[in-house]
Structures are given as structure tokens and as C-alpha cells.
């Protein structure tokens, strides 16, 4: 997570907001070396697949397969 000072956040707020929106990554704002706020996206970004921006990946993509489907893969020859 990127960190910026409150002075930088104030001077470049529009650019900071655009970066958060574009990257989906939060930015920590510090004051006198202490973290005081986190600017994060209002809505999570959908996952995309490589060069296919129209193809989204479901949130459960990394979840284990159901037992029935896993069995079919394990017993395949």
C-alpha cells in the first residue's frame, strides 16, 4: 500500500483519487509520520483476465472444486 503525507494528499487530491479509482489500491495518508487515514475505492474492482477487459472473473474463482467435480478430475484417465 502506497503512503503519502497529508500535505501531499491536500496538494494532489484529485490525482490521488484518480489513482485509487484506476488501480483499486488504497493509499495511506500520514501526518507527522503516523497513519491517520486510508483512501480506498468506494467499490471493489472486478477482476479481469489478462488482455480481455470484457471478461470478468468471479470472486469464488480460487475456491476449491465441489467434491463431485473434483472426483471427476481425479478419476479421469
PDB file of N, CA and C in Angstrom:
ATOM      1  N   UNK A   1       0.854  -1.174   0.000  1.00  0.00           N
ATOM      2  CA  UNK A   1       0.000   0.000   0.000  1.00  0.00           C
ATOM      3  C   UNK A   1       0.897   1.234   0.000  1.00  0.00           C
ATOM      4  N   UNK A   2       0.591   2.145  -0.894  1.00  0.00           N
ATOM      5  CA  UNK A   2       1.373   3.374  -1.001  1.00  0.00           C
ATOM      6  C   UNK A   2       1.022   4.314   0.146  1.00  0.00           C
ATOM      7  N   UNK A   3       2.004   5.100   0.578  1.00  0.00           N
ATOM      8  CA  UNK A   3       1.815   6.054   1.665  1.00  0.00           C
ATOM      9  C   UNK A   3       2.188   7.445   1.188  1.00  0.00           C
ATOM     10  N   UNK A   4       1.360   8.438   1.552  1.00  0.00           N
ATOM     11  CA  UNK A   4       1.660   9.833   1.235  1.00  0.00           C
ATOM     12  C   UNK A   4       1.415  10.679   2.474  1.00  0.00           C
ATOM     13  N   UNK A   5       2.025  11.859   2.497  1.00  0.00           N
ATOM     14  CA  UNK A   5       1.808  12.774   3.624  1.00  0.00           C
ATOM     15  C   UNK A   5       0.489  13.518   3.433  1.00  0.00           C
ATOM     16  N   UNK A   6      -0.016  14.075   4.526  1.00  0.00           N
ATOM     17  CA  UNK A   6      -1.263  14.842   4.432  1.00  0.00           C
ATOM     18  C   UNK A   6      -1.071  16.075   3.554  1.00  0.00           C
ATOM     19  N   UNK A   7       0.126  16.653   3.557  1.00  0.00           N
ATOM     20  CA  UNK A   7       0.419  17.806   2.707  1.00  0.00           C
ATOM     21  C   UNK A   7       0.323  17.432   1.233  1.00  0.00           C
ATOM     22  N   UNK A   8       0.911  16.260   0.882  1.00  0.00           N
ATOM     23  CA  UNK A   8       0.839  15.792  -0.499  1.00  0.00           C
ATOM     24  C   UNK A   8      -0.597  15.456  -0.886  1.00  0.00           C
ATOM     25  N   UNK A   9      -1.338  14.840   0.029  1.00  0.00           N
ATOM     26  CA  UNK A   9      -2.730  14.487  -0.248  1.00  0.00           C
ATOM     27  C   UNK A   9      -3.560  15.744  -0.527  1.00  0.00           C
ATOM     28  N   UNK A  10      -3.312  16.783   0.257  1.00  0.00           N
ATOM     29  CA  UNK A  10      -4.050  18.031   0.071  1.00  0.00           C
ATOM     30  C   UNK A  10      -3.703  18.681  -1.270  1.00  0.00           C
ATOM     31  N   UNK A  11      -2.433  18.687  -1.615  1.00  0.00           N
ATOM     32  CA  UNK A  11      -1.988  19.339  -2.843  1.00  0.00           C
ATOM     33  C   UNK A  11      -2.393  18.568  -4.096  1.00  0.00           C
ATOM     34  N   UNK A  12      -2.492  17.233  -3.990  1.00  0.00           N
ATOM     35  CA  UNK A  12      -2.736  16.404  -5.169  1.00  0.00           C
ATOM     36  C   UNK A  12      -3.971  15.520  -5.013  1.00  0.00           C
ATOM     37  N   UNK A  13      -4.984  16.010  -4.316  1.00  0.00           N
ATOM     38  CA  UNK A  13      -6.142  15.167  -4.006  1.00  0.00           C
ATOM     39  C   UNK A  13      -6.794  14.575  -5.243  1.00  0.00           C
ATOM     40  N   UNK A  14      -7.009  15.370  -6.285  1.00  0.00           N
ATOM     41  CA  UNK A  14      -7.659  14.828  -7.483  1.00  0.00           C
ATOM     42  C   UNK A  14      -6.837  13.712  -8.109  1.00  0.00           C
ATOM     43  N   UNK A  15      -5.525  13.877  -8.165  1.00  0.00           N
ATOM     44  CA  UNK A  15      -4.653  12.846  -8.725  1.00  0.00           C
ATOM     45  C   UNK A  15      -4.660  11.599  -7.843  1.00  0.00           C
ATOM     46  N   UNK A  16      -4.676  11.779  -6.538  1.00  0.00           N
ATOM     47  CA  UNK A  16      -4.718  10.649  -5.602  1.00  0.00           C
ATOM     48  C   UNK A  16      -6.025   9.873  -5.782  1.00  0.00           C
ATOM     49  N   UNK A  17      -7.129  10.585  -5.872  1.00  0.00           N
ATOM     50  CA  UNK A  17      -8.420   9.921  -6.064  1.00  0.00           C
ATOM     51  C   UNK A  17      -8.463   9.176  -7.392  1.00  0.00           C
ATOM     52  N   UNK A  18      -7.920   9.773  -8.438  1.00  0.00           N
ATOM     53  CA  UNK A  18      -7.886   9.118  -9.750  1.00  0.00           C
ATOM     54  C   UNK A  18      -7.033   7.848  -9.687  1.00  0.00           C
ATOM     55  N   UNK A  19      -5.916   7.889  -8.970  1.00  0.00           N
ATOM     56  CA  UNK A  19      -5.059   6.713  -8.843  1.00  0.00           C
ATOM     57  C   UNK A  19      -5.779   5.579  -8.107  1.00  0.00           C
ATOM     58  N   UNK A  20      -6.455   5.926  -7.021  1.00  0.00           N
ATOM     59  CA  UNK A  20      -7.193   4.916  -6.255  1.00  0.00           C
ATOM     60  C   UNK A  20      -8.289   4.297  -7.115  1.00  0.00           C
ATOM     61  N   UNK A  21      -8.987   5.128  -7.872  1.00  0.00           N
ATOM     62  CA  UNK A  21     -10.050   4.615  -8.736  1.00  0.00           C
ATOM     63  C   UNK A  21      -9.483   3.713  -9.836  1.00  0.00           C
ATOM     64  N   UNK A  22      -8.362   4.118 -10.439  1.00  0.00           N
ATOM     65  CA  UNK A  22      -7.776   3.369 -11.546  1.00  0.00           C
ATOM     66  C   UNK A  22      -7.162   2.045 -11.082  1.00  0.00           C
ATOM     67  N   UNK A  23      -6.400   2.078  -9.996  1.00  0.00           N
ATOM     68  CA  UNK A  23      -5.674   0.891  -9.550  1.00  0.00           C
ATOM     69  C   UNK A  23      -6.477   0.005  -8.615  1.00  0.00           C
ATOM     70  N   UNK A  24      -7.433   0.601  -7.895  1.00  0.00           N
ATOM     71  CA  UNK A  24      -8.176  -0.164  -6.904  1.00  0.00           C
ATOM     72  C   UNK A  24      -7.402  -0.378  -5.620  1.00  0.00           C
ATOM     73  N   UNK A  25      -6.194   0.182  -5.539  1.00  0.00           N
ATOM     74  CA  UNK A  25      -5.347   0.015  -4.356  1.00  0.00           C
ATOM     75  C   UNK A  25      -5.515   1.196  -3.405  1.00  0.00           C
ATOM     76  N   UNK A  26      -5.670   0.929  -2.113  1.00  0.00           N
ATOM     77  CA  UNK A  26      -5.801   2.026  -1.151  1.00  0.00           C
ATOM     78  C   UNK A  26      -4.484   2.772  -0.955  1.00  0.00           C
ATOM     79  N   UNK A  27      -4.574   4.003  -0.487  1.00  0.00           N
ATOM     80  CA  UNK A  27      -3.403   4.827  -0.177  1.00  0.00           C
ATOM     81  C   UNK A  27      -3.542   5.306   1.270  1.00  0.00           C
ATOM     82  N   UNK A  28      -2.472   5.146   2.045  1.00  0.00           N
ATOM     83  CA  UNK A  28      -2.454   5.595   3.439  1.00  0.00           C
ATOM     84  C   UNK A  28      -1.963   7.034   3.487  1.00  0.00           C
ATOM     85  N   UNK A  29      -2.656   7.864   4.266  1.00  0.00           N
ATOM     86  CA  UNK A  29      -2.266   9.262   4.453  1.00  0.00           C
ATOM     87  C   UNK A  29      -1.675   9.389   5.857  1.00  0.00           C
ATOM     88  N   UNK A  30      -0.490  10.013   5.939  1.00  0.00           N
ATOM     89  CA  UNK A  30       0.173  10.169   7.235  1.00  0.00           C
ATOM     90  C   UNK A  30       0.242  11.632   7.634  1.00  0.00           C
ATOM     91  N   UNK A  31       0.337  11.851   8.932  1.00  0.00           N
ATOM     92  CA  UNK A  31       0.546  13.180   9.486  1.00  0.00           C
ATOM     93  C   UNK A  31       1.620  13.045  10.554  1.00  0.00           C
ATOM     94  N   UNK A  32       2.712  13.743  10.369  1.00  0.00           N
ATOM     95  CA  UNK A  32       3.852  13.668  11.295  1.00  0.00           C
ATOM     96  C   UNK A  32       4.312  12.225  11.488  1.00  0.00           C
ATOM     97  N   UNK A  33       4.308  11.456  10.387  1.00  0.00           N
ATOM     98  CA  UNK A  33       4.809  10.093  10.417  1.00  0.00           C
ATOM     99  C   UNK A  33       3.830   9.042  10.905  1.00  0.00           C
ATOM    100  N   UNK A  34       2.640   9.452  11.324  1.00  0.00           N
ATOM    101  CA  UNK A  34       1.624   8.499  11.800  1.00  0.00           C
ATOM    102  C   UNK A  34       0.530   8.338  10.760  1.00  0.00           C
ATOM    103  N   UNK A  35       0.102   7.118  10.559  1.00  0.00           N
ATOM    104  CA  UNK A  35      -1.016   6.877   9.640  1.00  0.00           C
ATOM    105  C   UNK A  35      -2.290   7.430  10.265  1.00  0.00           C
ATOM    106  N   UNK A  36      -2.994   8.274   9.521  1.00  0.00           N
ATOM    107  CA  UNK A  36      -4.215   8.879  10.049  1.00  0.00           C
ATOM    108  C   UNK A  36      -5.452   8.555   9.222  1.00  0.00           C
ATOM    109  N   UNK A  37      -5.256   8.145   7.971  1.00  0.00           N
ATOM    110  CA  UNK A  37      -6.409   7.841   7.112  1.00  0.00           C
ATOM    111  C   UNK A  37      -5.986   6.907   5.989  1.00  0.00           C
ATOM    112  N   UNK A  38      -6.974   6.221   5.454  1.00  0.00           N
ATOM    113  CA  UNK A  38      -6.754   5.375   4.288  1.00  0.00           C
ATOM    114  C   UNK A  38      -7.790   5.771   3.243  1.00  0.00           C
ATOM    115  N   UNK A  39      -7.307   6.114   2.059  1.00  0.00           N
ATOM    116  CA  UNK A  39      -8.205   6.417   0.947  1.00  0.00           C
ATOM    117  C   UNK A  39      -8.321   5.133   0.132  1.00  0.00           C
ATOM    118  N   UNK A  40      -9.526   4.599   0.075  1.00  0.00           N
ATOM    119  CA  UNK A  40      -9.724   3.332  -0.628  1.00  0.00           C
ATOM    120  C   UNK A  40     -10.895   3.457  -1.600  1.00  0.00           C
ATOM    121  N   UNK A  41     -10.958   2.547  -2.577  1.00  0.00           N
ATOM    122  CA  UNK A  41     -12.048   2.617  -3.553  1.00  0.00           C
ATOM    123  C   UNK A  41     -13.411   2.441  -2.876  1.00  0.00           C
ATOM    124  N   UNK A  42     -14.409   3.134  -3.403  1.00  0.00           N
ATOM    125  CA  UNK A  42     -15.757   3.017  -2.861  1.00  0.00           C
ATOM    126  C   UNK A  42     -16.357   1.653  -3.168  1.00  0.00           C
ATOM    127  N   UNK A  43     -16.006   1.105  -4.334  1.00  0.00           N
ATOM    128  CA  UNK A  43     -16.496  -0.215  -4.734  1.00  0.00           C
ATOM    129  C   UNK A  43     -15.308  -1.043  -5.199  1.00  0.00           C
ATOM    130  N   UNK A  44     -15.274  -2.320  -4.829  1.00  0.00           N
ATOM    131  CA  UNK A  44     -14.158  -3.147  -5.290  1.00  0.00           C
ATOM    132  C   UNK A  44     -14.176  -3.286  -6.809  1.00  0.00           C
ATOM    133  N   UNK A  45     -12.991  -3.352  -7.407  1.00  0.00           N
ATOM    134  CA  UNK A  45     -12.885  -3.536  -8.855  1.00  0.00           C
ATOM    135  C   UNK A  45     -13.118  -4.991  -9.198  1.00  0.00           C
ATOM    136  N   UNK A  46     -13.755  -5.228 -10.332  1.00  0.00           N
ATOM    137  CA  UNK A  46     -13.938  -6.593 -10.804  1.00  0.00           C
ATOM    138  C   UNK A  46     -12.615  -7.106 -11.326  1.00  0.00           C
ATOM    139  N   UNK A  47     -12.363  -8.382 -11.079  1.00  0.00           N
ATOM    140  CA  UNK A  47     -11.139  -8.996 -11.581  1.00  0.00           C
ATOM    141  C   UNK A  47     -11.265  -9.205 -13.073  1.00  0.00           C
ATOM    142  N   UNK A  48     -10.193  -8.945 -13.801  1.00  0.00           N
ATOM    143  CA  UNK A  48     -10.192  -9.167 -15.244  1.00  0.00           C
ATOM    144  C   UNK A  48      -9.135 -10.206 -15.588  1.00  0.00           C
ATOM    145  N   UNK A  49      -9.245 -10.733 -16.778  1.00  0.00           N
ATOM    146  CA  UNK A  49      -8.348 -11.785 -17.216  1.00  0.00           C
ATOM    147  C   UNK A  49      -7.433 -11.247 -18.305  1.00  0.00           C
ATOM    148  N   UNK A  50      -6.176 -11.000 -17.984  1.00  0.00           N
ATOM    149  CA  UNK A  50      -5.159 -10.595 -18.954  1.00  0.00           C
ATOM    150  C   UNK A  50      -5.595  -9.504 -19.897  1.00  0.00           C
ATOM    151  N   UNK A  51      -5.545  -9.780 -21.167  1.00  0.00           N
ATOM    152  CA  UNK A  51      -5.842  -8.788 -22.196  1.00  0.00           C
ATOM    153  C   UNK A  51      -7.317  -8.780 -22.596  1.00  0.00           C
ATOM    154  N   UNK A  52      -8.166  -9.425 -21.820  1.00  0.00           N
ATOM    155  CA  UNK A  52      -9.598  -9.490 -22.125  1.00  0.00           C
ATOM    156  C   UNK A  52     -10.373  -8.638 -21.127  1.00  0.00           C
ATOM    157  N   UNK A  53     -10.408  -7.314 -21.329  1.00  0.00           N
ATOM    158  CA  UNK A  53     -11.041  -6.444 -20.345  1.00  0.00           C
ATOM    159  C   UNK A  53     -12.534  -6.703 -20.167  1.00  0.00           C
ATOM    160  N   UNK A  54     -13.193  -7.306 -21.154  1.00  0.00           N
ATOM    161  CA  UNK A  54     -14.622  -7.584 -21.034  1.00  0.00           C
ATOM    162  C   UNK A  54     -14.917  -8.869 -20.266  1.00  0.00           C
ATOM    163  N   UNK A  55     -13.907  -9.668 -20.028  1.00  0.00           N
ATOM    164  CA  UNK A  55     -14.078 -10.940 -19.335  1.00  0.00           C
ATOM    165  C   UNK A  55     -13.785 -10.737 -17.855  1.00  0.00           C
ATOM    166  N   UNK A  56     -14.782 -10.931 -17.010  1.00  0.00           N
ATOM    167  CA  UNK A  56     -14.565 -10.791 -15.569  1.00  0.00           C
ATOM    168  C   UNK A  56     -14.467 -12.165 -14.929  1.00  0.00           C
ATOM    169  N   UNK A  57     -13.767 -12.205 -13.824  1.00  0.00           N
ATOM    170  CA  UNK A  57     -13.531 -13.450 -13.108  1.00  0.00           C
ATOM    171  C   UNK A  57     -14.371 -13.418 -11.832  1.00  0.00           C
ATOM    172  N   UNK A  58     -15.160 -14.462 -11.560  1.00  0.00           N
ATOM    173  CA  UNK A  58     -15.986 -14.457 -10.361  1.00  0.00           C
ATOM    174  C   UNK A  58     -15.135 -14.452  -9.092  1.00  0.00           C
ATOM    175  N   UNK A  59     -15.704 -13.917  -8.005  1.00  0.00           N
ATOM    176  CA  UNK A  59     -14.981 -13.829  -6.737  1.00  0.00           C
ATOM    177  C   UNK A  59     -14.574 -15.200  -6.199  1.00  0.00           C
ATOM    178  N   UNK A  60     -15.337 -16.256  -6.523  1.00  0.00           N
ATOM    179  CA  UNK A  60     -15.025 -17.589  -5.993  1.00  0.00           C
ATOM    180  C   UNK A  60     -14.142 -18.399  -6.946  1.00  0.00           C
ATOM    181  N   UNK A  61     -13.467 -17.738  -7.885  1.00  0.00           N
ATOM    182  CA  UNK A  61     -12.634 -18.413  -8.871  1.00  0.00           C
ATOM    183  C   UNK A  61     -11.579 -19.313  -8.221  1.00  0.00           C
ATOM    184  N   UNK A  62     -11.007 -18.862  -7.123  1.00  0.00           N
ATOM    185  CA  UNK A  62      -9.939 -19.601  -6.454  1.00  0.00           C
ATOM    186  C   UNK A  62     -10.459 -20.623  -5.440  1.00  0.00           C
ATOM    187  N   UNK A  63     -11.757 -20.730  -5.286  1.00  0.00           N
ATOM    188  CA  UNK A  63     -12.331 -21.647  -4.297  1.00  0.00           C
ATOM    189  C   UNK A  63     -12.111 -23.095  -4.726  1.00  0.00           C
ATOM    190  N   UNK A  64     -12.009 -24.005  -3.772  1.00  0.00           N
ATOM    191  CA  UNK A  64     -11.848 -25.423  -4.131  1.00  0.00           C
ATOM    192  C   UNK A  64     -13.062 -25.919  -4.923  1.00  0.00           C
ATOM    193  N   UNK A  65     -12.820 -26.911  -5.777  1.00  0.00           N
ATOM    194  CA  UNK A  65     -13.914 -27.508  -6.552  1.00  0.00           C
ATOM    195  C   UNK A  65     -14.846 -28.288  -5.631  1.00  0.00           C
ATOM    196  N   UNK A  66     -16.135 -28.368  -5.990  1.00  0.00           N
ATOM    197  CA  UNK A  66     -17.038 -29.229  -5.220  1.00  0.00           C
ATOM    198  C   UNK A  66     -16.536 -30.678  -5.296  1.00  0.00           C
ATOM    199  N   UNK A  67     -16.837 -31.485  -4.293  1.00  0.00           N
ATOM    200  CA  UNK A  67     -16.345 -32.865  -4.220  1.00  0.00           C
ATOM    201  C   UNK A  67     -16.684 -33.674  -5.471  1.00  0.00           C
ATOM    202  N   UNK A  68     -17.909 -33.534  -5.996  1.00  0.00           N
ATOM    203  CA  UNK A  68     -18.316 -34.307  -7.166  1.00  0.00           C
ATOM    204  C   UNK A  68     -17.454 -33.955  -8.383  1.00  0.00           C
ATOM    205  N   UNK A  69     -17.205 -32.675  -8.576  1.00  0.00           N
ATOM    206  CA  UNK A  69     -16.401 -32.256  -9.720  1.00  0.00           C
ATOM    207  C   UNK A  69     -14.923 -32.621  -9.518  1.00  0.00           C
ATOM    208  N   UNK A  70     -14.439 -32.483  -8.303  1.00  0.00           N
ATOM    209  CA  UNK A  70     -13.062 -32.859  -8.011  1.00  0.00           C
ATOM    210  C   UNK A  70     -12.834 -34.336  -8.256  1.00  0.00           C
ATOM    211  N   UNK A  71     -13.814 -35.155  -7.877  1.00  0.00           N
ATOM    212  CA  UNK A  71     -13.726 -36.599  -8.114  1.00  0.00           C
ATOM    213  C   UNK A  71     -13.636 -36.914  -9.582  1.00  0.00           C
ATOM    214  N   UNK A  72     -14.374 -36.187 -10.409  1.00  0.00           N
ATOM    215  CA  UNK A  72     -14.339 -36.421 -11.853  1.00  0.00           C
ATOM    216  C   UNK A  72     -12.943 -36.113 -12.408  1.00  0.00           C
ATOM    217  N   UNK A  73     -12.293 -35.101 -11.913  1.00  0.00           N
ATOM    218  CA  UNK A  73     -10.946 -34.760 -12.374  1.00  0.00           C
ATOM    219  C   UNK A  73      -9.918 -35.787 -11.891  1.00  0.00           C
ATOM    220  N   UNK A  74     -10.076 -36.239 -10.656  1.00  0.00           N
ATOM    221  CA  UNK A  74      -9.111 -37.173 -10.100  1.00  0.00           C
ATOM    222  C   UNK A  74      -9.230 -38.559 -10.732  1.00  0.00           C
ATOM    223  N   UNK A  75     -10.415 -38.951 -11.178  1.00  0.00           N
ATOM    224  CA  UNK A  75     -10.630 -40.274 -11.770  1.00  0.00           C
ATOM    225  C   UNK A  75     -10.489 -40.277 -13.277  1.00  0.00           C
ATOM    226  N   UNK A  76     -10.222 -39.116 -13.864  1.00  0.00           N
ATOM    227  CA  UNK A  76     -10.079 -39.032 -15.330  1.00  0.00           C
ATOM    228  C   UNK A  76      -8.769 -39.707 -15.749  1.00  0.00           C
ATOM    229  N   UNK A  77      -8.806 -40.388 -16.863  1.00  0.00           N
ATOM    230  CA  UNK A  77      -7.597 -41.066 -17.355  1.00  0.00           C
ATOM    231  C   UNK A  77      -7.070 -40.387 -18.585  1.00  0.00           C
TER     232      UNK A  77
END
